[in-house]
């Protein structure tokens, strides 16, 4: 299908119509068991991230607003005893699971090769809320997650990193696919849901650049909230601009790297995107996962001699994307929680100093601690083209620390912890969940784990949501 500068010809299907057709072509019974199992593990990981994120000020503010304006409803806000309406549950839970930057990420195949594709798990909040409100089975909810990951990966590959749009814009097209399946929409209704949602989805890249504000943590949740409302409107028969992806006054600039028609082969491919997702070990940007691991390795060999450090070199792959991240002055000297978890300098410095890297490393505005800023000032960012051969979406890192006496410590991490080579391990996810959700009683954690791992056999979500409301 070739793009028109005005409207779609009567004998053609528009981009959103083709996306709706594809979304309904994936039958639940045809989804491989491995994909459903992966969806369960990613759901458990996301719930753990949400529990860990409850104490963040951003989360508290969003939950307070959702409880005030959302009122009572059938949908669970994780950690809250009272339910709310569908849209505000999406906003609250979407914020909770994203706020620490600890939820999983996917590597997508773009026009210029593999690249970090963002966080399709941001929209797991949609599957939970809509599934609970519409009394969906656990298998239906897991299927919507699998399809959501696939739509996210395919569409993200058509975006240009250098364009003005932030990646969460695509959730305006992913959410109606997930919600529409759970609501039982037909292809026409889903196409209009996509069109209505897309008209509200455009998010500028500034939410993830410069000083970085709280908008980074809530950007996707805001899009998802609006997209769920758009899907509800389409269910009632309201229509949207079906040529939104092709029209010159539509969103053509969001997907400049290919024709959406070329990505909408029916069903799932041999390697669905959900099987390419990676679980994060550390609450920071995906490109810093290997850097955090390497810094922790060196902390052990330094044996506490942080004051003896004279120079720290952090070598990463040589690409324009990494160049931009390394040389962003707002990241080199972060002034906000959101900028700190996107700062290579801060991640490396605090991991070297503490020998740990988790939510605790952001307490008390550690990025402003003189001892940490002094370490950050000793960091020299470098790029090594030799590392590019390992850059299949892993963002390898080599850190060399030189002491004042000339002694060197070197750590190389070509693959970060949690990087998937065709599937994530249940034991790893359960261990991470128990670590990040340690504030909950052990029996409650066990109930949540059991409910998630048995979700494909559950007729409703009641067992899981009851455990999440305590």
Protein backbone atom coordinates (compact mmCIF):
# COMPACT_ATOMS: atom_id res chain seq x y z
CA UNK A 1 0.00 0.00 0.00
CA UNK A 2 1.52 3.29 -1.08
CA UNK A 3 0.92 6.39 0.99
CA UNK A 4 -1.38 9.05 -0.40
CA UNK A 5 -1.01 12.72 0.36
CA UNK A 6 -4.75 13.04 0.91
CA UNK A 7 -7.07 10.05 1.35
CA UNK A 8 -6.89 6.29 0.85
CA UNK A 9 -8.30 5.03 -2.43
CA UNK A 10 -11.57 3.15 -2.11
CA UNK A 11 -9.93 -0.14 -3.12
CA UNK A 12 -7.14 0.14 -0.56
CA UNK A 13 -6.90 -0.53 3.16
CA UNK A 14 -5.39 2.24 5.26
CA UNK A 15 -2.52 1.63 7.66
CA UNK A 16 -4.75 1.46 10.74
CA UNK A 17 -7.17 -0.86 8.95
CA UNK A 18 -4.30 -3.19 8.09
CA UNK A 19 -3.05 -3.04 11.67
CA UNK A 20 -6.53 -3.92 12.93
CA UNK A 21 -6.74 -6.83 10.47
CA UNK A 22 -3.38 -8.12 11.65
CA UNK A 23 -4.28 -7.80 15.34
CA UNK A 24 -7.36 -9.96 14.86
CA UNK A 25 -5.48 -12.48 12.71
CA UNK A 26 -3.56 -13.73 15.76
CA UNK A 27 -5.72 -16.42 17.34
CA UNK A 28 -5.15 -17.25 20.99
CA UNK A 29 -4.94 -20.97 20.26
CA UNK A 30 -2.13 -20.37 17.76
CA UNK A 31 0.14 -18.53 20.21
CA UNK A 32 3.05 -20.83 21.16
CA UNK A 33 3.25 -21.96 24.77
CA UNK A 34 6.73 -20.43 25.03
CA UNK A 35 5.28 -16.99 24.23
CA UNK A 36 2.53 -17.34 26.83
CA UNK A 37 5.08 -18.43 29.41
CA UNK A 38 7.31 -15.48 28.54
CA UNK A 39 4.29 -13.17 28.94
CA UNK A 40 3.71 -14.56 32.44
CA UNK A 41 7.32 -13.90 33.43
CA UNK A 42 7.26 -10.37 32.01
CA UNK A 43 3.97 -9.72 33.80
CA UNK A 44 5.53 -10.86 37.09
CA UNK A 45 8.59 -8.71 36.45
CA UNK A 46 6.42 -5.67 35.71
CA UNK A 47 4.34 -6.20 38.85
CA UNK A 48 7.54 -6.36 40.89
CA UNK A 49 8.71 -3.09 39.35
CA UNK A 50 5.37 -1.50 40.20
CA UNK A 51 5.54 -2.64 43.83
CA UNK A 52 9.08 -1.31 44.12
CA UNK A 53 8.00 2.00 42.57
CA UNK A 54 5.17 2.75 45.01
CA UNK A 55 7.30 4.97 47.27
CA UNK A 56 8.53 7.28 44.51
CA UNK A 57 7.12 10.81 44.73
CA UNK A 58 6.00 10.69 41.10
CA UNK A 59 4.02 7.50 41.80
CA UNK A 60 2.40 8.94 44.91
CA UNK A 61 1.31 12.03 43.00
CA UNK A 62 -0.17 10.08 40.09
CA UNK A 63 -1.98 7.59 42.35
CA UNK A 64 -3.42 10.45 44.42
CA UNK A 65 -4.79 12.14 41.30
CA UNK A 66 -6.22 8.86 39.97
CA UNK A 67 -7.99 8.15 43.25
CA UNK A 68 -9.38 11.69 43.33
CA UNK A 69 -10.71 11.94 39.79
CA UNK A 70 -11.15 8.26 38.93
CA UNK A 71 -13.49 7.44 41.79
CA UNK A 72 -14.47 3.88 42.62
CA UNK A 73 -14.36 1.25 39.94
CA UNK A 74 -13.63 -2.39 39.15
CA UNK A 75 -9.93 -2.01 38.27
CA UNK A 76 -7.05 -2.55 40.66
CA UNK A 77 -4.35 -0.02 41.39
CA UNK A 78 -1.39 -2.09 42.56
CA UNK A 79 -0.97 -1.72 46.32
CA UNK A 80 -4.23 0.20 46.87
CA UNK A 81 -7.27 -1.37 48.56
CA UNK A 82 -9.84 0.53 46.48
CA UNK A 83 -10.38 0.04 42.76
CA UNK A 84 -10.90 2.75 40.14
CA UNK A 85 -12.06 3.05 36.56
CA UNK A 86 -10.26 1.44 33.64
CA UNK A 87 -8.47 4.50 32.26
CA UNK A 88 -7.15 5.71 35.61
CA UNK A 89 -5.97 2.22 36.56
CA UNK A 90 -3.94 2.27 33.34
CA UNK A 91 -2.47 5.66 34.24
CA UNK A 92 -1.63 4.67 37.81
CA UNK A 93 -0.22 1.21 37.13
CA UNK A 94 1.56 2.37 33.98
CA UNK A 95 3.37 4.94 36.09
CA UNK A 96 4.13 2.52 38.92
CA UNK A 97 5.76 -0.10 36.73
CA UNK A 98 7.76 2.46 34.73
CA UNK A 99 8.89 5.00 37.32
CA UNK A 100 12.10 3.20 38.39
CA UNK A 101 13.19 2.45 34.79
CA UNK A 102 13.51 -1.16 35.91
CA UNK A 103 11.00 -2.86 33.61
CA UNK A 104 12.14 -4.92 30.63
CA UNK A 105 13.16 -3.64 27.21
CA UNK A 106 13.14 -5.09 23.71
CA UNK A 107 15.69 -4.96 20.89
CA UNK A 108 14.06 -4.19 17.54
CA UNK A 109 15.27 -4.68 14.00
CA UNK A 110 15.28 -1.20 12.53
CA UNK A 111 16.41 0.04 9.13
CA UNK A 112 19.90 0.65 10.53
CA UNK A 113 20.21 -2.65 12.41
CA UNK A 114 19.34 -3.79 15.95
CA UNK A 115 18.56 -1.05 18.43
CA UNK A 116 17.04 -0.59 21.86
CA UNK A 117 13.34 -0.41 21.15
CA UNK A 118 11.88 0.83 24.40
CA UNK A 119 9.56 -0.78 26.90
CA UNK A 120 6.55 -2.69 25.53
CA UNK A 121 5.92 -3.78 29.11
CA UNK A 122 4.72 -0.23 29.83
CA UNK A 123 1.42 -1.40 28.32
CA UNK A 124 1.02 -4.45 30.54
CA UNK A 125 -1.01 -2.05 32.67
CA UNK A 126 -3.55 -2.01 29.83
CA UNK A 127 -3.92 -5.79 29.75
CA UNK A 128 -4.47 -5.89 33.52
CA UNK A 129 -7.04 -3.10 33.67
CA UNK A 130 -9.09 -4.04 30.61
CA UNK A 131 -8.89 -7.73 31.43
CA UNK A 132 -10.17 -7.11 34.95
CA UNK A 133 -12.96 -4.75 33.84
CA UNK A 134 -14.18 -7.10 31.11
CA UNK A 135 -13.85 -10.35 33.09
CA UNK A 136 -11.29 -11.74 30.65
CA UNK A 137 -9.62 -15.09 31.17
CA UNK A 138 -5.99 -15.23 32.13
CA UNK A 139 -5.13 -16.72 28.74
CA UNK A 140 -6.85 -13.83 26.95
CA UNK A 141 -4.84 -11.34 29.01
CA UNK A 142 -1.57 -13.13 28.25
CA UNK A 143 -2.45 -13.26 24.55
CA UNK A 144 -3.06 -9.51 24.52
CA UNK A 145 0.38 -8.99 26.03
CA UNK A 146 2.01 -11.16 23.36
CA UNK A 147 0.22 -9.30 20.57
CA UNK A 148 1.02 -5.95 22.18
CA UNK A 149 4.73 -6.75 22.24
CA UNK A 150 4.60 -7.78 18.59
CA UNK A 151 2.80 -4.62 17.49
CA UNK A 152 5.23 -2.52 19.54
CA UNK A 153 8.31 -4.12 17.99
CA UNK A 154 7.07 -3.97 14.40
CA UNK A 155 6.01 -0.33 14.61
CA UNK A 156 9.10 0.76 16.58
CA UNK A 157 11.27 -0.53 13.74
CA UNK A 158 9.63 2.04 11.45
CA UNK A 159 10.51 5.00 13.68
CA UNK A 160 13.61 7.19 13.32
CA UNK A 161 15.58 7.87 16.51
CA UNK A 162 16.57 11.29 15.20
CA UNK A 163 13.00 12.37 14.54
CA UNK A 164 11.04 14.69 16.80
CA UNK A 165 8.79 11.98 18.22
CA UNK A 166 9.41 9.97 21.38
CA UNK A 167 8.96 6.22 21.15
CA UNK A 168 5.92 6.18 23.46
CA UNK A 169 3.98 7.68 20.54
CA UNK A 170 3.59 4.17 19.14
CA UNK A 171 1.64 3.10 22.22
CA UNK A 172 -1.20 5.11 20.72
CA UNK A 173 -1.39 2.30 18.17
CA UNK A 174 -0.38 -0.61 20.41
CA UNK A 175 -2.91 0.00 23.20
CA UNK A 176 -6.04 -0.19 20.98
CA UNK A 177 -4.75 -3.49 19.62
CA UNK A 178 -4.44 -4.91 23.13
CA UNK A 179 -7.59 -3.34 24.57
CA UNK A 180 -9.64 -3.98 21.44
CA UNK A 181 -8.93 -7.69 21.55
CA UNK A 182 -10.01 -7.91 25.20
CA UNK A 183 -13.14 -5.86 24.50
CA UNK A 184 -14.08 -8.07 21.57
CA UNK A 185 -14.03 -5.31 18.94
CA UNK A 186 -14.42 -6.19 15.29
CA UNK A 187 -11.93 -5.01 12.66
CA UNK A 188 -13.89 -1.86 11.82
CA UNK A 189 -14.21 -0.80 15.45
CA UNK A 190 -10.55 -1.49 16.10
CA UNK A 191 -9.46 0.52 13.06
CA UNK A 192 -11.42 3.51 14.34
CA UNK A 193 -10.00 2.98 17.84
CA UNK A 194 -6.52 3.13 16.32
CA UNK A 195 -7.39 6.27 14.37
CA UNK A 196 -8.94 8.04 17.37
CA UNK A 197 -6.06 7.01 19.62
CA UNK A 198 -3.36 7.95 17.14
CA UNK A 199 -4.80 11.43 16.87
CA UNK A 200 -3.92 11.98 20.55
CA UNK A 201 -0.69 9.99 20.83
CA UNK A 202 2.04 12.26 19.48
CA UNK A 203 4.67 12.79 22.20
CA UNK A 204 7.71 15.03 21.59
CA UNK A 205 11.20 13.68 22.18
CA UNK A 206 11.94 16.35 24.79
CA UNK A 207 10.38 14.09 27.45
CA UNK A 208 13.59 11.98 27.31
CA UNK A 209 16.23 14.62 26.57
CA UNK A 210 18.03 17.41 28.35
CA UNK A 211 17.40 17.76 32.08
CA UNK A 212 14.63 15.13 31.92
CA UNK A 213 11.55 15.74 34.04
CA UNK A 214 8.91 13.52 35.60
CA UNK A 215 7.29 13.44 32.16
CA UNK A 216 9.70 10.60 31.28
CA UNK A 217 8.07 8.38 33.90
CA UNK A 218 4.47 9.12 32.97
CA UNK A 219 4.68 9.76 29.21
CA UNK A 220 3.61 6.27 28.15
CA UNK A 221 0.99 6.01 30.89
CA UNK A 222 -0.62 9.24 29.66
CA UNK A 223 -0.73 7.93 26.09
CA UNK A 224 -2.13 4.59 27.26
CA UNK A 225 -4.83 6.25 29.37
CA UNK A 226 -6.00 8.31 26.38
CA UNK A 227 -5.78 5.28 24.08
CA UNK A 228 -8.00 3.16 26.33
CA UNK A 229 -10.58 5.95 26.31
CA UNK A 230 -10.35 6.12 22.50
CA UNK A 231 -10.95 2.38 22.31
CA UNK A 232 -14.01 2.69 24.50
CA UNK A 233 -15.32 5.46 22.23
CA UNK A 234 -14.81 3.31 19.14
CA UNK A 235 -16.68 0.49 20.86
CA UNK A 236 -19.63 2.90 21.08
CA UNK A 237 -19.45 3.57 17.33
CA UNK A 238 -17.41 6.77 17.24
CA UNK A 239 -15.13 7.11 14.23
CA UNK A 240 -11.62 8.39 13.65
CA UNK A 241 -9.55 9.52 10.63
CA UNK A 242 -8.66 6.21 9.00
CA UNK A 243 -5.99 7.86 6.82
CA UNK A 244 -4.12 9.14 9.87
CA UNK A 245 -0.90 7.30 8.97
CA UNK A 246 -0.90 8.32 5.30
CA UNK A 247 -2.41 11.80 5.11
CA UNK A 248 -0.08 14.79 4.77
CA UNK A 249 -1.77 16.29 7.82
CA UNK A 250 -1.61 13.02 9.70
CA UNK A 251 1.28 11.13 11.31
CA UNK A 252 3.42 10.19 8.34
CA UNK A 253 6.53 11.59 10.03
CA UNK A 254 6.18 9.19 12.97
CA UNK A 255 6.97 6.12 10.83
CA UNK A 256 9.36 7.31 8.11
CA UNK A 257 11.51 4.17 7.76
CA UNK A 258 9.10 1.90 5.94
CA UNK A 259 5.60 1.10 4.78
CA UNK A 260 3.37 -0.31 7.50
CA UNK A 261 1.94 -2.71 4.92
CA UNK A 262 5.30 -4.51 4.78
CA UNK A 263 5.21 -5.26 8.51
CA UNK A 264 1.69 -6.64 8.82
CA UNK A 265 2.08 -10.26 7.75
CA UNK A 266 -0.75 -12.25 9.39
CA UNK A 267 -0.07 -14.07 12.64
CA UNK A 268 3.17 -14.22 14.59
CA UNK A 269 6.64 -14.77 13.12
CA UNK A 270 8.96 -17.62 14.06
CA UNK A 271 10.67 -15.34 16.60
CA UNK A 272 8.00 -13.07 18.09
CA UNK A 273 9.16 -9.86 19.73
CA UNK A 274 8.08 -11.02 23.16
CA UNK A 275 10.81 -13.67 22.97
CA UNK A 276 13.37 -10.91 22.32
CA UNK A 277 12.64 -8.98 25.49
CA UNK A 278 15.32 -8.54 28.13
CA UNK A 279 14.85 -8.23 31.88
CA UNK A 280 16.70 -5.35 33.52
CA UNK A 281 18.96 -5.96 36.48
CA UNK A 282 19.37 -2.29 37.35
CA UNK A 283 17.02 0.73 37.53
CA UNK A 284 18.61 2.75 34.77
CA UNK A 285 18.52 3.31 31.02
CA UNK A 286 18.99 0.11 29.00
CA UNK A 287 22.21 1.39 27.40
CA UNK A 288 23.82 1.62 30.87
CA UNK A 289 23.04 -1.93 32.05
CA UNK A 290 26.47 -3.27 31.04
CA UNK A 291 28.18 -0.18 32.46
CA UNK A 292 26.52 -0.73 35.84
CA UNK A 293 27.59 -4.39 35.86
CA UNK A 294 31.20 -3.53 34.94
CA UNK A 295 31.37 -0.84 37.64
CA UNK A 296 30.17 -3.33 40.24
CA UNK A 297 32.86 -5.78 39.11
CA UNK A 298 35.55 -3.14 39.66
CA UNK A 299 34.16 -2.16 43.06
CA UNK A 300 34.98 -5.65 44.29
CA UNK A 301 38.56 -5.53 43.03
CA UNK A 302 39.13 -2.04 44.49
CA UNK A 303 38.35 -3.34 47.97
CA UNK A 304 36.99 0.01 49.11
CA UNK A 305 39.84 2.22 47.84
CA UNK A 306 37.47 4.69 46.14
CA UNK A 307 39.50 7.64 47.39
CA UNK A 308 42.56 6.34 45.53
CA UNK A 309 40.91 6.56 42.10
CA UNK A 310 42.67 8.95 39.73
CA UNK A 311 40.86 8.28 36.44
CA UNK A 312 37.88 6.29 35.15
CA UNK A 313 37.47 5.47 31.46
CA UNK A 314 34.10 4.20 30.27
CA UNK A 315 34.35 2.78 26.75
CA UNK A 316 31.19 1.93 24.81
CA UNK A 317 30.27 1.21 21.21
CA UNK A 318 30.96 3.84 18.57
CA UNK A 319 27.57 4.93 17.23
CA UNK A 320 25.89 8.34 16.86
CA UNK A 321 23.25 7.32 19.42
CA UNK A 322 25.84 6.52 22.12
CA UNK A 323 27.80 9.63 21.17
CA UNK A 324 24.73 11.77 21.82
CA UNK A 325 24.02 10.10 25.16
CA UNK A 326 27.63 10.33 26.33
CA UNK A 327 27.93 14.00 25.46
CA UNK A 328 24.64 15.29 26.79
CA UNK A 329 25.70 17.84 29.47
CA UNK A 330 22.42 17.41 31.34
CA UNK A 331 23.18 13.72 31.78
CA UNK A 332 26.84 14.30 32.66
CA UNK A 333 25.73 16.47 35.59
CA UNK A 334 22.19 15.27 36.43
CA UNK A 335 19.91 17.46 38.51
CA UNK A 336 16.87 15.18 38.68
CA UNK A 337 16.06 11.56 39.50
CA UNK A 338 15.03 11.01 35.89
CA UNK A 339 18.27 12.46 34.48
CA UNK A 340 20.36 10.46 36.97
CA UNK A 341 19.05 7.07 35.84
CA UNK A 342 19.91 8.09 32.26
CA UNK A 343 23.41 9.28 33.17
CA UNK A 344 26.31 6.94 32.40
CA UNK A 345 28.48 9.05 34.66
CA UNK A 346 26.17 8.78 37.66
CA UNK A 347 25.44 5.07 37.18
CA UNK A 348 29.15 4.22 37.06
CA UNK A 349 30.15 6.53 39.91
CA UNK A 350 27.52 5.41 42.42
CA UNK A 351 28.00 1.71 41.56
CA UNK A 352 31.76 2.07 42.09
CA UNK A 353 31.21 3.84 45.40
CA UNK A 354 28.47 1.66 46.87
CA UNK A 355 29.10 -1.76 45.36
CA UNK A 356 25.35 -1.89 44.72
CA UNK A 357 22.95 -0.36 42.24
CA UNK A 358 19.26 -0.33 42.97
CA UNK A 359 16.47 2.07 44.02
CA UNK A 360 18.42 2.87 47.21
CA UNK A 361 21.14 4.52 45.12
CA UNK A 362 18.70 7.31 44.23
CA UNK A 363 17.62 8.13 47.78
CA UNK A 364 18.59 11.48 49.23
CA UNK A 365 19.44 12.93 45.79
CA UNK A 366 22.73 11.03 45.68
CA UNK A 367 23.53 12.56 42.29
CA UNK A 368 24.23 15.80 44.18
CA UNK A 369 26.43 14.14 46.84
CA UNK A 370 29.91 15.79 46.67
CA UNK A 371 31.63 12.42 46.99
CA UNK A 372 29.68 11.09 44.00
CA UNK A 373 30.10 14.22 41.88
CA UNK A 374 33.85 14.09 42.57
CA UNK A 375 33.93 10.54 41.16
CA UNK A 376 31.82 11.63 38.18
CA UNK A 377 34.36 14.36 37.41
CA UNK A 378 37.05 11.68 37.06
CA UNK A 379 35.11 9.83 34.36
CA UNK A 380 36.23 10.06 30.75
CA UNK A 381 33.69 8.78 28.23
CA UNK A 382 35.13 6.92 25.23
CA UNK A 383 33.93 4.92 22.25
CA UNK A 384 35.67 1.83 20.93
CA UNK A 385 34.74 0.68 17.40
CA UNK A 386 36.05 -2.78 18.30
CA UNK A 387 33.05 -3.20 20.58
CA UNK A 388 30.64 -2.65 17.71
CA UNK A 389 30.92 -6.29 16.62
CA UNK A 390 29.20 -7.21 19.88
CA UNK A 391 26.52 -4.54 19.53
CA UNK A 392 23.43 -6.65 18.78
CA UNK A 393 21.33 -4.51 21.05
CA UNK A 394 23.44 -5.32 24.12
CA UNK A 395 25.45 -2.08 24.40
CA UNK A 396 28.67 -3.61 25.76
CA UNK A 397 30.96 -1.64 28.01
CA UNK A 398 34.59 -1.72 29.17
CA UNK A 399 35.57 0.27 32.26
CA UNK A 400 39.19 0.95 33.21
CA UNK A 401 39.93 2.49 36.60
CA UNK A 402 43.40 3.83 37.35
CA UNK A 403 44.54 4.37 40.91
CA UNK A 404 46.88 7.19 41.91
CA UNK A 405 49.72 4.68 42.25
CA UNK A 406 49.24 3.63 38.63
CA UNK A 407 47.49 0.32 39.33
CA UNK A 408 44.68 -0.43 36.87
CA UNK A 409 41.44 -2.34 37.23
CA UNK A 410 39.56 -3.39 34.09
CA UNK A 411 36.11 -4.92 33.68
CA UNK A 412 34.43 -5.92 30.42
CA UNK A 413 30.74 -6.69 30.06
CA UNK A 414 29.68 -7.65 26.55
CA UNK A 415 26.25 -8.79 27.74
CA UNK A 416 24.39 -7.22 30.66
CA UNK A 417 22.66 -9.37 33.28
CA UNK A 418 19.18 -10.28 32.09
CA UNK A 419 20.03 -10.13 28.39
CA UNK A 420 17.89 -12.70 26.61
CA UNK A 421 19.20 -15.17 24.08
CA UNK A 422 15.81 -16.63 23.22
CA UNK A 423 13.92 -16.62 26.49
CA UNK A 424 14.26 -15.50 30.08
CA UNK A 425 14.64 -17.86 33.03
CA UNK A 426 11.77 -18.22 35.48
CA UNK A 427 14.14 -18.53 38.43
CA UNK A 428 15.84 -15.23 37.52
CA UNK A 429 12.54 -13.38 37.32
CA UNK A 430 11.24 -14.86 40.57
CA UNK A 431 14.49 -13.92 42.32
CA UNK A 432 14.28 -10.36 41.03
CA UNK A 433 10.61 -10.14 42.06
CA UNK A 434 11.37 -11.27 45.60
CA UNK A 435 14.20 -8.74 45.79
CA UNK A 436 12.37 -5.67 44.48
CA UNK A 437 9.08 -6.55 46.23
CA UNK A 438 10.77 -7.36 49.54
CA UNK A 439 8.56 -4.79 51.32
CA UNK A 440 5.63 -7.21 50.98
CA UNK A 441 5.16 -10.12 53.38
CA UNK A 442 6.59 -13.37 52.04
CA UNK A 443 3.17 -15.04 51.91
CA UNK A 444 1.76 -12.23 49.79
CA UNK A 445 4.69 -12.44 47.37
CA UNK A 446 4.12 -16.18 47.10
CA UNK A 447 0.43 -15.64 46.28
CA UNK A 448 1.28 -13.12 43.56
CA UNK A 449 3.91 -15.41 42.03
CA UNK A 450 1.55 -18.39 42.06
CA UNK A 451 -1.33 -16.38 40.56
CA UNK A 452 0.84 -15.11 37.71
CA UNK A 453 2.46 -18.44 36.90
CA UNK A 454 -0.98 -20.10 36.81
CA UNK A 455 -2.66 -17.30 34.89
CA UNK A 456 -3.01 -19.25 31.64
CA UNK A 457 -5.39 -21.59 33.48
CA UNK A 458 -7.38 -18.90 35.30
CA UNK A 459 -10.91 -18.10 34.12
CA UNK A 460 -10.69 -14.63 35.71
CA UNK A 461 -8.00 -12.37 37.21
CA UNK A 462 -9.56 -12.36 40.69
CA UNK A 463 -6.85 -14.37 42.43
CA UNK A 464 -4.12 -12.08 41.10
CA UNK A 465 -5.89 -8.77 41.59
CA UNK A 466 -6.93 -9.67 45.14
CA UNK A 467 -3.27 -10.27 46.02
CA UNK A 468 -2.27 -7.00 44.36
CA UNK A 469 -4.78 -4.87 46.31
CA UNK A 470 -3.42 -5.66 49.79
